[in-house]
Amino acid sequence: MSEQETSYDYHRYRQLLSEAVDESSRRRLIDLLIREKARDRLEARRTSDRVAMTAETVAKVLGNGRREDILRN
């Protein structure tokens, strides 16, 4: 995902809101906002999962290295 896709685009939403002059266009705007919020939450979840996996891997590597150092001494 690009930076443009993952950031809150205030000016774009403001423009879309000003163009939402009837019920169907307002509903499309609401649907868009819901979809984009869901996408942002999914991306945040993926990022959190990657960070957790990285931390777990680092902990395993450091843990294994420490035991080897103890056994060598």
Protein backbone atom coordinates (compact mmCIF):
# COMPACT_ATOMS: atom_id res chain seq x y z
CA MET A 1 0.00 0.00 0.00
CA SER A 2 1.29 3.45 -0.82
CA GLU A 3 1.52 6.30 1.66
CA GLN A 4 -1.38 8.03 -0.11
CA GLU A 5 -3.59 4.97 0.41
CA THR A 6 -2.80 4.54 4.09
CA SER A 7 -3.10 8.15 5.24
CA TYR A 8 -6.23 10.13 6.05
CA ASP A 9 -6.86 12.37 3.05
CA TYR A 10 -8.68 15.30 4.64
CA HIS A 11 -8.89 17.37 1.46
CA ARG A 12 -10.23 14.47 -0.60
CA TYR A 13 -12.92 13.67 1.97
CA ARG A 14 -13.86 17.33 2.25
CA GLN A 15 -14.24 17.54 -1.53
CA LEU A 16 -16.32 14.36 -1.63
CA LEU A 17 -18.52 15.69 1.16
CA SER A 18 -19.14 18.94 -0.71
CA GLU A 19 -20.12 16.90 -3.78
CA ALA A 20 -22.53 14.68 -1.82
CA VAL A 21 -25.65 16.63 -2.59
CA ASP A 22 -28.17 13.80 -2.79
CA GLU A 23 -28.97 10.65 -0.82
CA SER A 24 -27.16 8.22 -3.13
CA SER A 25 -23.93 10.25 -3.21
CA ARG A 26 -24.01 10.62 0.60
CA ARG A 27 -24.45 6.86 0.94
CA ARG A 28 -21.51 6.25 -1.41
CA LEU A 29 -19.39 8.60 0.70
CA ILE A 30 -20.39 6.81 3.90
CA ASP A 31 -19.61 3.42 2.31
CA LEU A 32 -16.23 4.72 1.17
CA LEU A 33 -15.38 5.99 4.65
CA ILE A 34 -16.37 2.67 6.19
CA ARG A 35 -14.31 0.67 3.68
CA GLU A 36 -11.26 2.86 4.12
CA LYS A 37 -11.48 2.70 7.91
CA ALA A 38 -11.70 -1.09 7.69
CA ARG A 39 -8.66 -1.10 5.41
CA ASP A 40 -6.73 1.09 7.87
CA ARG A 41 -7.60 -1.25 10.74
CA LEU A 42 -6.53 -4.27 8.71
CA GLU A 43 -3.20 -2.61 7.87
CA ALA A 44 -2.67 -1.72 11.56
CA ARG A 45 -3.40 -5.35 12.51
CA ARG A 46 -0.93 -6.64 9.92
CA THR A 47 1.72 -4.22 11.17
CA SER A 48 1.11 -5.30 14.75
CA ASP A 49 1.38 -8.97 13.76
CA ARG A 50 4.67 -8.33 11.92
CA VAL A 51 6.11 -6.50 14.92
CA ALA A 52 5.06 -9.33 17.26
CA MET A 53 6.59 -11.96 14.96
CA THR A 54 9.82 -9.98 14.71
CA ALA A 55 10.01 -9.57 18.48
CA GLU A 56 9.41 -13.29 18.94
CA THR A 57 12.14 -14.16 16.44
CA VAL A 58 14.62 -11.77 18.08
CA ALA A 59 13.81 -13.22 21.50
CA LYS A 60 14.42 -16.76 20.19
CA VAL A 61 17.72 -15.80 18.58
CA LEU A 62 18.94 -13.96 21.64
CA GLY A 63 17.74 -16.73 23.92
CA ASN A 64 19.57 -19.40 21.92
CA GLY A 65 22.75 -17.34 21.83
CA ARG A 66 22.77 -16.89 25.59
CA ARG A 67 22.42 -20.61 26.28
CA GLU A 68 25.31 -21.36 23.93
CA ASP A 69 27.46 -18.79 25.74
CA ILE A 70 26.64 -20.39 29.09
CA LEU A 71 27.48 -23.88 27.82
CA ARG A 72 30.83 -22.71 26.43
CA ASN A 73 31.99 -21.26 29.76
